[in-house]
Amino acid sequence: MSPAYQKLNKRFFPTGIVAGMQSKLATDEQSSYAKAGTVAEEALTNIKTVMAFSGRSKEIQRYEDGLVDAKVAARKRGAISAIGVGLMWFIIYASYALAFWYGTKLILEERHCVCEDPPKQPTYTAETMLIVTLKNTQLVKPRTFMRLVTRIFNFEGFL
């Protein structure tokens, strides 16, 4: 298995679990709707018999009973979906927080390099931190971002 596939597989593992649970609950919901639909179809097909024996309220009750299971499955599916999306965004924001915290820590640890005699160029700068962070989000190619940042800002004198 290629490393890229392993990384992709790990990244989408929680999403796969949520999708599998949603799929099962959607199937349960659809089967409940099918049962309720069968009751309605049966009542409409035999409308003369239902009306002759005053069975309207009984058929309505049978239909509503069939919808109860669908409502329960729909609520479960909504809750699973909400938990899955919440978990996904928590992981994204937590990884951003970790990246910015660690990047800032590395920048501050090398701040003394600029003050030495002769001054050394620090390995970690704000520019490097932003490039690494945006590279991990796959939003911008690092070279493109680096060119953009160096044109707009002068990070050499930042620290």
C-alpha atoms as a PDB file:
ATOM      1  CA  MET A   1       0.000   0.000   0.000  1.00  0.00           C
ATOM      2  CA  SER A   2       1.407   3.389  -0.952  1.00  0.00           C
ATOM      3  CA  PRO A   3       2.117   5.981   1.781  1.00  0.00           C
ATOM      4  CA  ALA A   4      -0.257   8.455   0.132  1.00  0.00           C
ATOM      5  CA  TYR A   5      -3.075   5.881   0.258  1.00  0.00           C
ATOM      6  CA  GLN A   6      -2.322   5.122   3.928  1.00  0.00           C
ATOM      7  CA  LYS A   7      -2.439   8.847   4.760  1.00  0.00           C
ATOM      8  CA  LEU A   8      -5.711   9.225   2.838  1.00  0.00           C
ATOM      9  CA  ASN A   9      -7.155   6.150   4.525  1.00  0.00           C
ATOM     10  CA  LYS A  10      -6.305   7.447   8.025  1.00  0.00           C
ATOM     11  CA  ARG A  11      -7.694  10.875   7.215  1.00  0.00           C
ATOM     12  CA  PHE A  12     -11.068   9.540   6.092  1.00  0.00           C
ATOM     13  CA  PHE A  13     -11.453   6.672   8.591  1.00  0.00           C
ATOM     14  CA  PRO A  14     -13.794   8.571  10.983  1.00  0.00           C
ATOM     15  CA  THR A  15     -15.766   9.861   8.006  1.00  0.00           C
ATOM     16  CA  GLY A  16     -16.193   6.285   6.784  1.00  0.00           C
ATOM     17  CA  ILE A  17     -17.578   5.185  10.137  1.00  0.00           C
ATOM     18  CA  VAL A  18     -20.089   8.052  10.188  1.00  0.00           C
ATOM     19  CA  ALA A  19     -21.075   7.402   6.562  1.00  0.00           C
ATOM     20  CA  GLY A  20     -21.613   3.701   7.282  1.00  0.00           C
ATOM     21  CA  MET A  21     -23.842   4.460  10.252  1.00  0.00           C
ATOM     22  CA  GLN A  22     -25.786   7.036   8.250  1.00  0.00           C
ATOM     23  CA  SER A  23     -26.260   4.542   5.443  1.00  0.00           C
ATOM     24  CA  LYS A  24     -27.665   1.901   7.789  1.00  0.00           C
ATOM     25  CA  LEU A  25     -30.021   4.392   9.440  1.00  0.00           C
ATOM     26  CA  ALA A  26     -31.148   5.728   6.048  1.00  0.00           C
ATOM     27  CA  THR A  27     -31.955   2.168   4.977  1.00  0.00           C
ATOM     28  CA  ASP A  28     -33.984   1.641   8.169  1.00  0.00           C
ATOM     29  CA  GLU A  29     -35.769   4.938   7.583  1.00  0.00           C
ATOM     30  CA  GLN A  30     -36.608   4.055   3.991  1.00  0.00           C
ATOM     31  CA  SER A  31     -37.957   0.618   4.965  1.00  0.00           C
ATOM     32  CA  SER A  32     -40.182   2.280   7.598  1.00  0.00           C
ATOM     33  CA  TYR A  33     -41.480   4.711   4.985  1.00  0.00           C
ATOM     34  CA  ALA A  34     -42.092   1.774   2.641  1.00  0.00           C
ATOM     35  CA  LYS A  35     -44.167  -0.010   5.312  1.00  0.00           C
ATOM     36  CA  ALA A  36     -46.203   3.149   5.935  1.00  0.00           C
ATOM     37  CA  GLY A  37     -46.622   3.610   2.204  1.00  0.00           C
ATOM     38  CA  THR A  38     -47.881   0.047   1.876  1.00  0.00           C
ATOM     39  CA  VAL A  39     -50.517   0.750   4.540  1.00  0.00           C
ATOM     40  CA  ALA A  40     -51.602   3.906   2.686  1.00  0.00           C
ATOM     41  CA  GLU A  41     -51.678   2.113  -0.664  1.00  0.00           C
ATOM     42  CA  GLU A  42     -53.716  -0.713   0.810  1.00  0.00           C
ATOM     43  CA  ALA A  43     -56.216   1.727   2.346  1.00  0.00           C
ATOM     44  CA  LEU A  44     -56.570   3.715  -0.877  1.00  0.00           C
ATOM     45  CA  THR A  45     -56.999   0.572  -2.952  1.00  0.00           C
ATOM     46  CA  ASN A  46     -59.780  -0.623  -0.698  1.00  0.00           C
ATOM     47  CA  ILE A  47     -61.277   2.808  -0.002  1.00  0.00           C
ATOM     48  CA  LYS A  48     -64.865   1.583  -0.400  1.00  0.00           C
ATOM     49  CA  THR A  49     -64.397  -1.142   2.194  1.00  0.00           C
ATOM     50  CA  VAL A  50     -62.617   1.213   4.595  1.00  0.00           C
ATOM     51  CA  MET A  51     -65.393   3.795   4.331  1.00  0.00           C
ATOM     52  CA  ALA A  52     -68.153   1.145   4.558  1.00  0.00           C
ATOM     53  CA  PHE A  53     -66.819  -0.158   7.871  1.00  0.00           C
ATOM     54  CA  SER A  54     -65.813   3.315   9.199  1.00  0.00           C
ATOM     55  CA  GLY A  55     -62.169   2.275   9.290  1.00  0.00           C
ATOM     56  CA  ARG A  56     -60.760   5.664   8.383  1.00  0.00           C
ATOM     57  CA  SER A  57     -59.377   6.453  11.843  1.00  0.00           C
ATOM     58  CA  LYS A  58     -57.964   2.912  12.182  1.00  0.00           C
ATOM     59  CA  GLU A  59     -56.111   3.211   8.859  1.00  0.00           C
ATOM     60  CA  ILE A  60     -54.792   6.656   9.800  1.00  0.00           C
ATOM     61  CA  GLN A  61     -53.503   5.208  13.077  1.00  0.00           C
ATOM     62  CA  ARG A  62     -51.814   2.301  11.236  1.00  0.00           C
ATOM     63  CA  TYR A  63     -50.148   4.783   8.869  1.00  0.00           C
ATOM     64  CA  GLU A  64     -48.941   7.003  11.724  1.00  0.00           C
ATOM     65  CA  ASP A  65     -47.604   3.959  13.595  1.00  0.00           C
ATOM     66  CA  GLY A  66     -45.576   3.090  10.519  1.00  0.00           C
ATOM     67  CA  LEU A  67     -44.099   6.595  10.488  1.00  0.00           C
ATOM     68  CA  VAL A  68     -42.922   6.423  14.122  1.00  0.00           C
ATOM     69  CA  ASP A  69     -40.017   4.119  13.241  1.00  0.00           C
ATOM     70  CA  ALA A  70     -39.046   6.399  10.346  1.00  0.00           C
ATOM     71  CA  LYS A  71     -39.048   9.418  12.669  1.00  0.00           C
ATOM     72  CA  VAL A  72     -36.815   7.632  15.190  1.00  0.00           C
ATOM     73  CA  ALA A  73     -34.369   6.554  12.462  1.00  0.00           C
ATOM     74  CA  ALA A  74     -34.315  10.079  11.020  1.00  0.00           C
ATOM     75  CA  ARG A  75     -33.519  11.592  14.420  1.00  0.00           C
ATOM     76  CA  LYS A  76     -30.715   9.073  14.980  1.00  0.00           C
ATOM     77  CA  ARG A  77     -29.316   9.781  11.541  1.00  0.00           C
ATOM     78  CA  GLY A  78     -29.407  13.533  12.207  1.00  0.00           C
ATOM     79  CA  ALA A  79     -27.623  13.081  15.532  1.00  0.00           C
ATOM     80  CA  ILE A  80     -24.934  10.865  13.980  1.00  0.00           C
ATOM     81  CA  SER A  81     -24.477  13.384  11.177  1.00  0.00           C
ATOM     82  CA  ALA A  82     -24.146  16.270  13.638  1.00  0.00           C
ATOM     83  CA  ILE A  83     -21.632  14.369  15.766  1.00  0.00           C
ATOM     84  CA  GLY A  84     -19.631  13.416  12.681  1.00  0.00           C
ATOM     85  CA  VAL A  85     -19.468  16.963  11.335  1.00  0.00           C
ATOM     86  CA  GLY A  86     -18.663  18.327  14.790  1.00  0.00           C
ATOM     87  CA  LEU A  87     -15.865  15.795  15.220  1.00  0.00           C
ATOM     88  CA  MET A  88     -14.463  16.600  11.796  1.00  0.00           C
ATOM     89  CA  TRP A  89     -14.333  20.344  12.498  1.00  0.00           C
ATOM     90  CA  PHE A  90     -12.911  19.743  15.969  1.00  0.00           C
ATOM     91  CA  ILE A  91     -10.052  17.742  14.460  1.00  0.00           C
ATOM     92  CA  ILE A  92      -9.399  20.435  11.852  1.00  0.00           C
ATOM     93  CA  TYR A  93      -9.360  23.309  14.369  1.00  0.00           C
ATOM     94  CA  ALA A  94      -7.366  21.321  16.913  1.00  0.00           C
ATOM     95  CA  SER A  95      -4.709  20.559  14.284  1.00  0.00           C
ATOM     96  CA  TYR A  96      -4.556  24.253  13.342  1.00  0.00           C
ATOM     97  CA  ALA A  97      -4.179  25.192  17.008  1.00  0.00           C
ATOM     98  CA  LEU A  98      -1.411  22.624  17.476  1.00  0.00           C
ATOM     99  CA  ALA A  99       0.388  23.790  14.339  1.00  0.00           C
ATOM    100  CA  PHE A 100       0.268  27.462  15.329  1.00  0.00           C
ATOM    101  CA  TRP A 101       1.288  26.734  18.917  1.00  0.00           C
ATOM    102  CA  TYR A 102       4.240  24.570  17.893  1.00  0.00           C
ATOM    103  CA  GLY A 103       5.251  26.955  15.094  1.00  0.00           C
ATOM    104  CA  THR A 104       5.227  29.905  17.470  1.00  0.00           C
ATOM    105  CA  LYS A 105       7.237  27.887  19.991  1.00  0.00           C
ATOM    106  CA  LEU A 106       9.888  27.096  17.366  1.00  0.00           C
ATOM    107  CA  ILE A 107      10.059  30.727  16.251  1.00  0.00           C
ATOM    108  CA  LEU A 108      10.449  32.009  19.807  1.00  0.00           C
ATOM    109  CA  GLU A 109      13.124  29.433  20.647  1.00  0.00           C
ATOM    110  CA  GLU A 110      15.307  30.664  17.769  1.00  0.00           C
ATOM    111  CA  ARG A 111      14.818  34.355  18.450  1.00  0.00           C
ATOM    112  CA  HIS A 112      18.223  34.612  20.103  1.00  0.00           C
ATOM    113  CA  CYS A 113      19.940  33.694  16.785  1.00  0.00           C
ATOM    114  CA  VAL A 114      19.291  37.189  15.416  1.00  0.00           C
ATOM    115  CA  CYS A 115      20.932  38.812  18.460  1.00  0.00           C
ATOM    116  CA  GLU A 116      24.159  36.773  18.314  1.00  0.00           C
ATOM    117  CA  ASP A 117      27.410  38.143  16.976  1.00  0.00           C
ATOM    118  CA  PRO A 118      27.566  37.470  13.998  1.00  0.00           C
ATOM    119  CA  PRO A 119      23.773  37.226  13.559  1.00  0.00           C
ATOM    120  CA  LYS A 120      22.476  33.924  12.185  1.00  0.00           C
ATOM    121  CA  GLN A 121      19.501  33.509   9.950  1.00  0.00           C
ATOM    122  CA  PRO A 122      16.780  31.726  11.983  1.00  0.00           C
ATOM    123  CA  THR A 123      15.591  28.396  10.629  1.00  0.00           C
ATOM    124  CA  TYR A 124      11.980  28.981  11.609  1.00  0.00           C
ATOM    125  CA  THR A 125      10.204  32.198  10.748  1.00  0.00           C
ATOM    126  CA  ALA A 126       6.583  33.283  10.519  1.00  0.00           C
ATOM    127  CA  GLU A 127       6.821  32.754   6.769  1.00  0.00           C
ATOM    128  CA  THR A 128       7.893  29.123   7.192  1.00  0.00           C
ATOM    129  CA  MET A 129       5.135  28.502   9.718  1.00  0.00           C
ATOM    130  CA  LEU A 130       2.459  29.835   7.366  1.00  0.00           C
ATOM    131  CA  ILE A 131       3.833  27.874   4.423  1.00  0.00           C
ATOM    132  CA  VAL A 132       3.861  24.614   6.367  1.00  0.00           C
ATOM    133  CA  THR A 133       0.374  25.224   7.771  1.00  0.00           C
ATOM    134  CA  LEU A 134      -1.154  26.052   4.387  1.00  0.00           C
ATOM    135  CA  LYS A 135       0.710  23.208   2.714  1.00  0.00           C
ATOM    136  CA  ASN A 136      -0.908  20.788   5.143  1.00  0.00           C
ATOM    137  CA  THR A 137      -4.352  22.150   4.315  1.00  0.00           C
ATOM    138  CA  GLN A 138      -3.635  21.620   0.596  1.00  0.00           C
ATOM    139  CA  LEU A 139      -5.101  25.036  -0.195  1.00  0.00           C
ATOM    140  CA  VAL A 140      -2.058  26.679  -1.737  1.00  0.00           C
ATOM    141  CA  LYS A 141       1.091  25.376  -3.344  1.00  0.00           C
ATOM    142  CA  PRO A 142       4.039  26.355  -1.125  1.00  0.00           C
ATOM    143  CA  ARG A 143       6.039  28.092  -3.875  1.00  0.00           C
ATOM    144  CA  THR A 144       3.059  30.163  -4.951  1.00  0.00           C
ATOM    145  CA  PHE A 145       2.323  31.138  -1.371  1.00  0.00           C
ATOM    146  CA  MET A 146       5.969  31.943  -0.658  1.00  0.00           C
ATOM    147  CA  ARG A 147       6.161  34.237  -3.688  1.00  0.00           C
ATOM    148  CA  LEU A 148       2.954  35.956  -2.649  1.00  0.00           C
ATOM    149  CA  VAL A 149       4.085  36.423   0.955  1.00  0.00           C
ATOM    150  CA  THR A 150       7.522  37.757   0.038  1.00  0.00           C
ATOM    151  CA  ARG A 151       5.964  40.260  -2.382  1.00  0.00           C
ATOM    152  CA  ILE A 152       3.391  41.545   0.088  1.00  0.00           C
ATOM    153  CA  PHE A 153       5.344  41.372   3.353  1.00  0.00           C
ATOM    154  CA  ASN A 154       8.989  41.578   4.230  1.00  0.00           C
ATOM    155  CA  PHE A 155       9.375  38.877   6.871  1.00  0.00           C
ATOM    156  CA  GLU A 156      13.168  39.194   7.056  1.00  0.00           C
ATOM    157  CA  GLY A 157      12.927  41.930   9.671  1.00  0.00           C
ATOM    158  CA  PHE A 158       9.941  40.437  11.437  1.00  0.00           C
ATOM    159  CA  LEU A 159      11.824  39.182  14.487  1.00  0.00           C
END
